[in-house]
């Protein structure tokens, strides 16, 4: 059976699931979420139209409130815009979690550029010794960098990880519970993170991503490339 094109696999496992699980936000026990979820698409369309008309951000927001919510004073306007940001942040987290859970299906994990492909190509061309020699000399240094505004807090990273697992096994109730937890989790801090705080946040990737990936790579090389050879 022919493998589906990548865009079809993406639509099937990422886009469709996002549309399904995104609707769960409407069922969460938060007072403002229904109003926000209804008004956000309207605001998005208004922003698109305003951008096409070369309006600046202030003009776009001003015309939106004067047209659709004329009864809102400045405080309510700011509150609604802040709620838009909160809602979008959590939608992005949900999308990230779904994309993570579908990564192995959407992408060809044995295609060109992967260890398995390189090993099979070396075998076919009788270049296994050259591959072993190269791998013995190959070195990599992992450098993790981030701007203070470009990474999730550790609590959010943990939710993304749990969400990915729950989505991968289609545990809808668990997904709903995690989305509820996400709705109560702060995404920002009032004080700017120190370099130490940034390092602690990035170490999460070392513990939960690179640590496991490195061991899997080592095991594969030991079993399928080097065999009983020492390296």
C-alpha atoms as a PDB file:
ATOM      1  CA  UNK A   1       0.000   0.000   0.000  1.00  0.00           C
ATOM      2  CA  UNK A   2       1.447   3.342  -1.094  1.00  0.00           C
ATOM      3  CA  UNK A   3       2.435   5.779   1.635  1.00  0.00           C
ATOM      4  CA  UNK A   4       0.228   8.870   1.766  1.00  0.00           C
ATOM      5  CA  UNK A   5       1.793  12.228   0.798  1.00  0.00           C
ATOM      6  CA  UNK A   6       3.181  14.148   3.750  1.00  0.00           C
ATOM      7  CA  UNK A   7       0.521  16.865   3.550  1.00  0.00           C
ATOM      8  CA  UNK A   8      -2.228  14.216   3.808  1.00  0.00           C
ATOM      9  CA  UNK A   9      -0.534  12.616   6.812  1.00  0.00           C
ATOM     10  CA  UNK A  10      -0.242  16.062   8.420  1.00  0.00           C
ATOM     11  CA  UNK A  11      -3.910  16.873   7.805  1.00  0.00           C
ATOM     12  CA  UNK A  12      -4.957  13.480   9.158  1.00  0.00           C
ATOM     13  CA  UNK A  13      -2.924  13.380  12.371  1.00  0.00           C
ATOM     14  CA  UNK A  14      -2.298  17.052  13.154  1.00  0.00           C
ATOM     15  CA  UNK A  15      -4.869  19.364  11.586  1.00  0.00           C
ATOM     16  CA  UNK A  16      -7.895  17.106  12.128  1.00  0.00           C
ATOM     17  CA  UNK A  17      -6.927  16.293  15.725  1.00  0.00           C
ATOM     18  CA  UNK A  18      -6.282  19.959  16.466  1.00  0.00           C
ATOM     19  CA  UNK A  19      -9.765  20.869  15.249  1.00  0.00           C
ATOM     20  CA  UNK A  20     -11.279  18.124  17.417  1.00  0.00           C
ATOM     21  CA  UNK A  21      -9.338  18.836  20.609  1.00  0.00           C
ATOM     22  CA  UNK A  22      -9.506  22.596  20.130  1.00  0.00           C
ATOM     23  CA  UNK A  23     -13.287  22.326  20.480  1.00  0.00           C
ATOM     24  CA  UNK A  24     -12.715  20.950  23.996  1.00  0.00           C
ATOM     25  CA  UNK A  25     -11.719  24.450  25.086  1.00  0.00           C
ATOM     26  CA  UNK A  26     -15.400  25.389  24.857  1.00  0.00           C
ATOM     27  CA  UNK A  27     -16.268  22.793  27.511  1.00  0.00           C
ATOM     28  CA  UNK A  28     -13.722  23.958  30.074  1.00  0.00           C
ATOM     29  CA  UNK A  29     -15.090  25.430  33.330  1.00  0.00           C
ATOM     30  CA  UNK A  30     -13.867  28.999  32.801  1.00  0.00           C
ATOM     31  CA  UNK A  31     -16.284  31.942  32.799  1.00  0.00           C
ATOM     32  CA  UNK A  32     -14.666  33.950  30.000  1.00  0.00           C
ATOM     33  CA  UNK A  33     -13.583  31.200  27.651  1.00  0.00           C
ATOM     34  CA  UNK A  34     -16.824  30.865  25.678  1.00  0.00           C
ATOM     35  CA  UNK A  35     -17.027  34.598  25.026  1.00  0.00           C
ATOM     36  CA  UNK A  36     -13.352  34.671  24.050  1.00  0.00           C
ATOM     37  CA  UNK A  37     -13.574  31.678  21.713  1.00  0.00           C
ATOM     38  CA  UNK A  38     -16.577  33.191  19.925  1.00  0.00           C
ATOM     39  CA  UNK A  39     -15.105  36.672  19.515  1.00  0.00           C
ATOM     40  CA  UNK A  40     -11.565  35.597  18.565  1.00  0.00           C
ATOM     41  CA  UNK A  41     -12.409  34.351  15.015  1.00  0.00           C
ATOM     42  CA  UNK A  42     -14.356  37.577  14.446  1.00  0.00           C
ATOM     43  CA  UNK A  43     -11.379  39.617  15.609  1.00  0.00           C
ATOM     44  CA  UNK A  44      -9.014  37.560  13.404  1.00  0.00           C
ATOM     45  CA  UNK A  45     -11.144  38.265  10.315  1.00  0.00           C
ATOM     46  CA  UNK A  46     -11.304  41.948  11.224  1.00  0.00           C
ATOM     47  CA  UNK A  47      -7.494  42.063  11.605  1.00  0.00           C
ATOM     48  CA  UNK A  48      -7.035  40.440   8.191  1.00  0.00           C
ATOM     49  CA  UNK A  49      -9.392  42.921   6.549  1.00  0.00           C
ATOM     50  CA  UNK A  50      -7.761  45.851   8.338  1.00  0.00           C
ATOM     51  CA  UNK A  51      -4.292  44.700   7.283  1.00  0.00           C
ATOM     52  CA  UNK A  52      -5.411  44.522   3.651  1.00  0.00           C
ATOM     53  CA  UNK A  53      -6.675  48.096   4.020  1.00  0.00           C
ATOM     54  CA  UNK A  54      -3.259  49.196   5.378  1.00  0.00           C
ATOM     55  CA  UNK A  55      -4.666  50.077   8.796  1.00  0.00           C
ATOM     56  CA  UNK A  56      -2.236  50.157  11.718  1.00  0.00           C
ATOM     57  CA  UNK A  57      -2.798  47.972  14.828  1.00  0.00           C
ATOM     58  CA  UNK A  58      -4.398  50.797  16.822  1.00  0.00           C
ATOM     59  CA  UNK A  59      -6.847  51.563  14.022  1.00  0.00           C
ATOM     60  CA  UNK A  60      -7.716  47.870  13.655  1.00  0.00           C
ATOM     61  CA  UNK A  61      -8.504  47.372  17.349  1.00  0.00           C
ATOM     62  CA  UNK A  62     -10.363  50.690  17.609  1.00  0.00           C
ATOM     63  CA  UNK A  63     -12.633  49.907  14.648  1.00  0.00           C
ATOM     64  CA  UNK A  64     -13.221  46.378  15.951  1.00  0.00           C
ATOM     65  CA  UNK A  65     -14.540  47.565  19.303  1.00  0.00           C
ATOM     66  CA  UNK A  66     -16.525  50.468  17.831  1.00  0.00           C
ATOM     67  CA  UNK A  67     -18.198  48.137  15.331  1.00  0.00           C
ATOM     68  CA  UNK A  68     -18.824  45.002  17.394  1.00  0.00           C
ATOM     69  CA  UNK A  69     -18.508  45.959  21.074  1.00  0.00           C
ATOM     70  CA  UNK A  70     -19.322  49.679  21.385  1.00  0.00           C
ATOM     71  CA  UNK A  71     -20.447  49.190  25.004  1.00  0.00           C
ATOM     72  CA  UNK A  72     -16.937  48.131  26.118  1.00  0.00           C
ATOM     73  CA  UNK A  73     -14.932  50.733  27.989  1.00  0.00           C
ATOM     74  CA  UNK A  74     -11.111  50.833  27.902  1.00  0.00           C
ATOM     75  CA  UNK A  75     -10.724  48.410  30.796  1.00  0.00           C
ATOM     76  CA  UNK A  76     -12.986  45.799  29.201  1.00  0.00           C
ATOM     77  CA  UNK A  77     -11.214  46.227  25.868  1.00  0.00           C
ATOM     78  CA  UNK A  78      -7.817  45.557  27.439  1.00  0.00           C
ATOM     79  CA  UNK A  79      -9.203  42.578  29.364  1.00  0.00           C
ATOM     80  CA  UNK A  80     -10.623  41.041  26.185  1.00  0.00           C
ATOM     81  CA  UNK A  81      -7.387  41.518  24.237  1.00  0.00           C
ATOM     82  CA  UNK A  82      -5.482  39.898  27.098  1.00  0.00           C
ATOM     83  CA  UNK A  83      -7.940  36.982  27.059  1.00  0.00           C
ATOM     84  CA  UNK A  84      -7.345  36.624  23.311  1.00  0.00           C
ATOM     85  CA  UNK A  85      -3.616  36.278  23.980  1.00  0.00           C
ATOM     86  CA  UNK A  86      -4.193  33.729  26.761  1.00  0.00           C
ATOM     87  CA  UNK A  87      -6.476  31.658  24.535  1.00  0.00           C
ATOM     88  CA  UNK A  88      -4.062  31.730  21.581  1.00  0.00           C
ATOM     89  CA  UNK A  89      -1.130  30.763  23.825  1.00  0.00           C
ATOM     90  CA  UNK A  90      -2.988  27.663  24.925  1.00  0.00           C
ATOM     91  CA  UNK A  91      -4.015  26.837  21.375  1.00  0.00           C
ATOM     92  CA  UNK A  92      -0.338  26.971  20.392  1.00  0.00           C
ATOM     93  CA  UNK A  93       0.555  24.599  23.249  1.00  0.00           C
ATOM     94  CA  UNK A  94      -2.182  22.196  22.117  1.00  0.00           C
ATOM     95  CA  UNK A  95      -0.937  22.340  18.533  1.00  0.00           C
ATOM     96  CA  UNK A  96       2.663  21.725  19.671  1.00  0.00           C
ATOM     97  CA  UNK A  97       1.543  18.689  21.675  1.00  0.00           C
ATOM     98  CA  UNK A  98      -0.436  17.237  18.747  1.00  0.00           C
ATOM     99  CA  UNK A  99       2.451  17.864  16.353  1.00  0.00           C
ATOM    100  CA  UNK A 100       4.867  16.146  18.749  1.00  0.00           C
ATOM    101  CA  UNK A 101       2.618  13.102  19.081  1.00  0.00           C
ATOM    102  CA  UNK A 102       2.266  12.799  15.284  1.00  0.00           C
ATOM    103  CA  UNK A 103       5.910  13.447  14.396  1.00  0.00           C
ATOM    104  CA  UNK A 104       6.782   9.807  13.738  1.00  0.00           C
ATOM    105  CA  UNK A 105       3.743   9.338  11.495  1.00  0.00           C
ATOM    106  CA  UNK A 106       3.975  12.584   9.534  1.00  0.00           C
ATOM    107  CA  UNK A 107       7.716  12.298   8.903  1.00  0.00           C
ATOM    108  CA  UNK A 108       9.545   9.377   7.332  1.00  0.00           C
ATOM    109  CA  UNK A 109      11.672   8.144  10.228  1.00  0.00           C
ATOM    110  CA  UNK A 110      13.588   5.724   7.981  1.00  0.00           C
ATOM    111  CA  UNK A 111      14.036   7.936   4.910  1.00  0.00           C
ATOM    112  CA  UNK A 112      17.007   9.758   3.435  1.00  0.00           C
ATOM    113  CA  UNK A 113      19.307  11.265   6.029  1.00  0.00           C
ATOM    114  CA  UNK A 114      18.287   8.927   8.853  1.00  0.00           C
ATOM    115  CA  UNK A 115      20.668   6.458  10.501  1.00  0.00           C
ATOM    116  CA  UNK A 116      18.841   3.483   9.032  1.00  0.00           C
ATOM    117  CA  UNK A 117      19.035   4.884   5.501  1.00  0.00           C
ATOM    118  CA  UNK A 118      22.742   5.697   5.866  1.00  0.00           C
ATOM    119  CA  UNK A 119      23.468   2.228   7.226  1.00  0.00           C
ATOM    120  CA  UNK A 120      21.549   0.498   4.409  1.00  0.00           C
ATOM    121  CA  UNK A 121      23.220   2.660   1.775  1.00  0.00           C
ATOM    122  CA  UNK A 122      26.666   1.881   3.212  1.00  0.00           C
ATOM    123  CA  UNK A 123      25.835  -1.839   3.208  1.00  0.00           C
ATOM    124  CA  UNK A 124      24.639  -1.725  -0.400  1.00  0.00           C
ATOM    125  CA  UNK A 125      27.834   0.042  -1.509  1.00  0.00           C
ATOM    126  CA  UNK A 126      30.214  -2.080   0.620  1.00  0.00           C
ATOM    127  CA  UNK A 127      31.270   0.946   2.650  1.00  0.00           C
ATOM    128  CA  UNK A 128      30.506  -0.225   6.167  1.00  0.00           C
ATOM    129  CA  UNK A 129      34.138   0.069   7.235  1.00  0.00           C
ATOM    130  CA  UNK A 130      34.210   3.655   5.990  1.00  0.00           C
ATOM    131  CA  UNK A 131      30.987   4.386   7.882  1.00  0.00           C
ATOM    132  CA  UNK A 132      32.383   2.890  11.099  1.00  0.00           C
ATOM    133  CA  UNK A 133      35.570   4.906  10.710  1.00  0.00           C
ATOM    134  CA  UNK A 134      33.559   8.088  10.175  1.00  0.00           C
ATOM    135  CA  UNK A 135      31.306   7.432  13.179  1.00  0.00           C
ATOM    136  CA  UNK A 136      34.354   6.794  15.367  1.00  0.00           C
ATOM    137  CA  UNK A 137      35.645  10.241  14.430  1.00  0.00           C
ATOM    138  CA  UNK A 138      32.265  11.990  14.453  1.00  0.00           C
ATOM    139  CA  UNK A 139      31.579  14.377  17.337  1.00  0.00           C
ATOM    140  CA  UNK A 140      28.735  16.707  18.149  1.00  0.00           C
ATOM    141  CA  UNK A 141      28.380  19.476  20.700  1.00  0.00           C
ATOM    142  CA  UNK A 142      24.821  20.355  21.693  1.00  0.00           C
ATOM    143  CA  UNK A 143      24.265  24.073  22.238  1.00  0.00           C
ATOM    144  CA  UNK A 144      20.894  25.168  23.621  1.00  0.00           C
ATOM    145  CA  UNK A 145      20.079  28.855  23.385  1.00  0.00           C
ATOM    146  CA  UNK A 146      16.889  30.800  24.010  1.00  0.00           C
ATOM    147  CA  UNK A 147      15.620  34.317  24.403  1.00  0.00           C
ATOM    148  CA  UNK A 148      13.724  34.843  27.698  1.00  0.00           C
ATOM    149  CA  UNK A 149      10.442  35.188  25.749  1.00  0.00           C
ATOM    150  CA  UNK A 150      10.999  32.173  23.499  1.00  0.00           C
ATOM    151  CA  UNK A 151      10.579  29.200  25.783  1.00  0.00           C
ATOM    152  CA  UNK A 152       7.812  27.728  27.879  1.00  0.00           C
ATOM    153  CA  UNK A 153       8.044  27.516  31.678  1.00  0.00           C
ATOM    154  CA  UNK A 154       8.849  24.045  33.021  1.00  0.00           C
ATOM    155  CA  UNK A 155       5.254  23.547  34.154  1.00  0.00           C
ATOM    156  CA  UNK A 156       3.992  24.135  30.605  1.00  0.00           C
ATOM    157  CA  UNK A 157       6.627  21.844  29.096  1.00  0.00           C
ATOM    158  CA  UNK A 158       5.452  19.092  31.413  1.00  0.00           C
ATOM    159  CA  UNK A 159       1.853  19.587  30.273  1.00  0.00           C
ATOM    160  CA  UNK A 160       2.920  19.476  26.610  1.00  0.00           C
ATOM    161  CA  UNK A 161       4.699  16.192  27.238  1.00  0.00           C
ATOM    162  CA  UNK A 162       1.688  14.671  29.021  1.00  0.00           C
ATOM    163  CA  UNK A 163      -0.673  16.053  26.364  1.00  0.00           C
ATOM    164  CA  UNK A 164       1.356  14.421  23.595  1.00  0.00           C
ATOM    165  CA  UNK A 165       1.137  11.043  25.342  1.00  0.00           C
ATOM    166  CA  UNK A 166      -2.613  11.386  25.971  1.00  0.00           C
ATOM    167  CA  UNK A 167      -3.315  12.512  22.405  1.00  0.00           C
ATOM    168  CA  UNK A 168      -1.199   9.703  20.987  1.00  0.00           C
ATOM    169  CA  UNK A 169      -3.384   7.155  22.808  1.00  0.00           C
ATOM    170  CA  UNK A 170      -6.656   9.058  22.201  1.00  0.00           C
ATOM    171  CA  UNK A 171      -7.414   9.514  25.910  1.00  0.00           C
ATOM    172  CA  UNK A 172      -9.982  12.285  25.508  1.00  0.00           C
ATOM    173  CA  UNK A 173     -10.848  12.684  29.187  1.00  0.00           C
ATOM    174  CA  UNK A 174      -7.177  12.945  30.100  1.00  0.00           C
ATOM    175  CA  UNK A 175      -6.666  15.529  27.349  1.00  0.00           C
ATOM    176  CA  UNK A 176      -9.585  17.549  28.723  1.00  0.00           C
ATOM    177  CA  UNK A 177      -8.131  17.369  32.231  1.00  0.00           C
ATOM    178  CA  UNK A 178      -4.735  18.540  30.984  1.00  0.00           C
ATOM    179  CA  UNK A 179      -6.328  21.404  29.042  1.00  0.00           C
ATOM    180  CA  UNK A 180      -8.095  22.430  32.249  1.00  0.00           C
ATOM    181  CA  UNK A 181      -4.733  22.352  34.022  1.00  0.00           C
ATOM    182  CA  UNK A 182      -3.253  24.363  31.166  1.00  0.00           C
ATOM    183  CA  UNK A 183      -5.951  26.992  31.585  1.00  0.00           C
ATOM    184  CA  UNK A 184      -4.830  27.543  35.190  1.00  0.00           C
ATOM    185  CA  UNK A 185      -1.092  27.529  34.474  1.00  0.00           C
ATOM    186  CA  UNK A 186       0.721  30.838  34.155  1.00  0.00           C
ATOM    187  CA  UNK A 187       2.773  31.379  31.009  1.00  0.00           C
ATOM    188  CA  UNK A 188       4.691  34.393  32.190  1.00  0.00           C
ATOM    189  CA  UNK A 189       6.449  35.844  35.199  1.00  0.00           C
ATOM    190  CA  UNK A 190       6.506  39.428  36.357  1.00  0.00           C
ATOM    191  CA  UNK A 191      10.291  39.360  36.741  1.00  0.00           C
ATOM    192  CA  UNK A 192      12.720  38.749  33.894  1.00  0.00           C
ATOM    193  CA  UNK A 193      14.322  35.284  34.111  1.00  0.00           C
ATOM    194  CA  UNK A 194      18.005  35.188  35.050  1.00  0.00           C
ATOM    195  CA  UNK A 195      20.566  33.247  32.984  1.00  0.00           C
ATOM    196  CA  UNK A 196      20.319  30.547  35.642  1.00  0.00           C
ATOM    197  CA  UNK A 197      16.521  30.386  35.189  1.00  0.00           C
ATOM    198  CA  UNK A 198      17.001  30.052  31.428  1.00  0.00           C
ATOM    199  CA  UNK A 199      19.529  27.266  31.943  1.00  0.00           C
ATOM    200  CA  UNK A 200      17.156  25.376  34.243  1.00  0.00           C
ATOM    201  CA  UNK A 201      14.390  25.673  31.649  1.00  0.00           C
ATOM    202  CA  UNK A 202      16.608  24.428  28.841  1.00  0.00           C
ATOM    203  CA  UNK A 203      17.860  21.513  30.941  1.00  0.00           C
ATOM    204  CA  UNK A 204      14.299  20.166  30.627  1.00  0.00           C
ATOM    205  CA  UNK A 205      15.087  19.373  26.981  1.00  0.00           C
ATOM    206  CA  UNK A 206      18.263  17.581  27.998  1.00  0.00           C
ATOM    207  CA  UNK A 207      16.385  15.418  30.512  1.00  0.00           C
ATOM    208  CA  UNK A 208      13.280  14.715  28.451  1.00  0.00           C
ATOM    209  CA  UNK A 209      14.501  14.811  24.829  1.00  0.00           C
ATOM    210  CA  UNK A 210      18.250  14.545  24.292  1.00  0.00           C
ATOM    211  CA  UNK A 211      18.917  12.032  27.066  1.00  0.00           C
ATOM    212  CA  UNK A 212      16.481   9.514  25.584  1.00  0.00           C
ATOM    213  CA  UNK A 213      17.394  10.274  21.969  1.00  0.00           C
ATOM    214  CA  UNK A 214      21.114   9.836  22.589  1.00  0.00           C
ATOM    215  CA  UNK A 215      20.611   6.427  24.189  1.00  0.00           C
ATOM    216  CA  UNK A 216      18.422   5.252  21.308  1.00  0.00           C
ATOM    217  CA  UNK A 217      21.015   6.397  18.759  1.00  0.00           C
ATOM    218  CA  UNK A 218      23.806   4.661  20.665  1.00  0.00           C
ATOM    219  CA  UNK A 219      21.800   1.422  20.942  1.00  0.00           C
ATOM    220  CA  UNK A 220      20.980   1.440  17.220  1.00  0.00           C
ATOM    221  CA  UNK A 221      24.612   1.986  16.230  1.00  0.00           C
ATOM    222  CA  UNK A 222      25.794  -0.718  18.623  1.00  0.00           C
ATOM    223  CA  UNK A 223      23.258  -3.249  17.324  1.00  0.00           C
ATOM    224  CA  UNK A 224      23.105  -2.506  13.592  1.00  0.00           C
ATOM    225  CA  UNK A 225      26.401  -0.866  12.644  1.00  0.00           C
ATOM    226  CA  UNK A 226      29.206  -1.916  14.949  1.00  0.00           C
ATOM    227  CA  UNK A 227      27.817  -5.201  16.222  1.00  0.00           C
ATOM    228  CA  UNK A 228      30.504  -6.772  18.414  1.00  0.00           C
ATOM    229  CA  UNK A 229      33.078  -4.146  17.426  1.00  0.00           C
ATOM    230  CA  UNK A 230      34.215  -1.775  20.115  1.00  0.00           C
ATOM    231  CA  UNK A 231      33.922   1.956  19.606  1.00  0.00           C
END
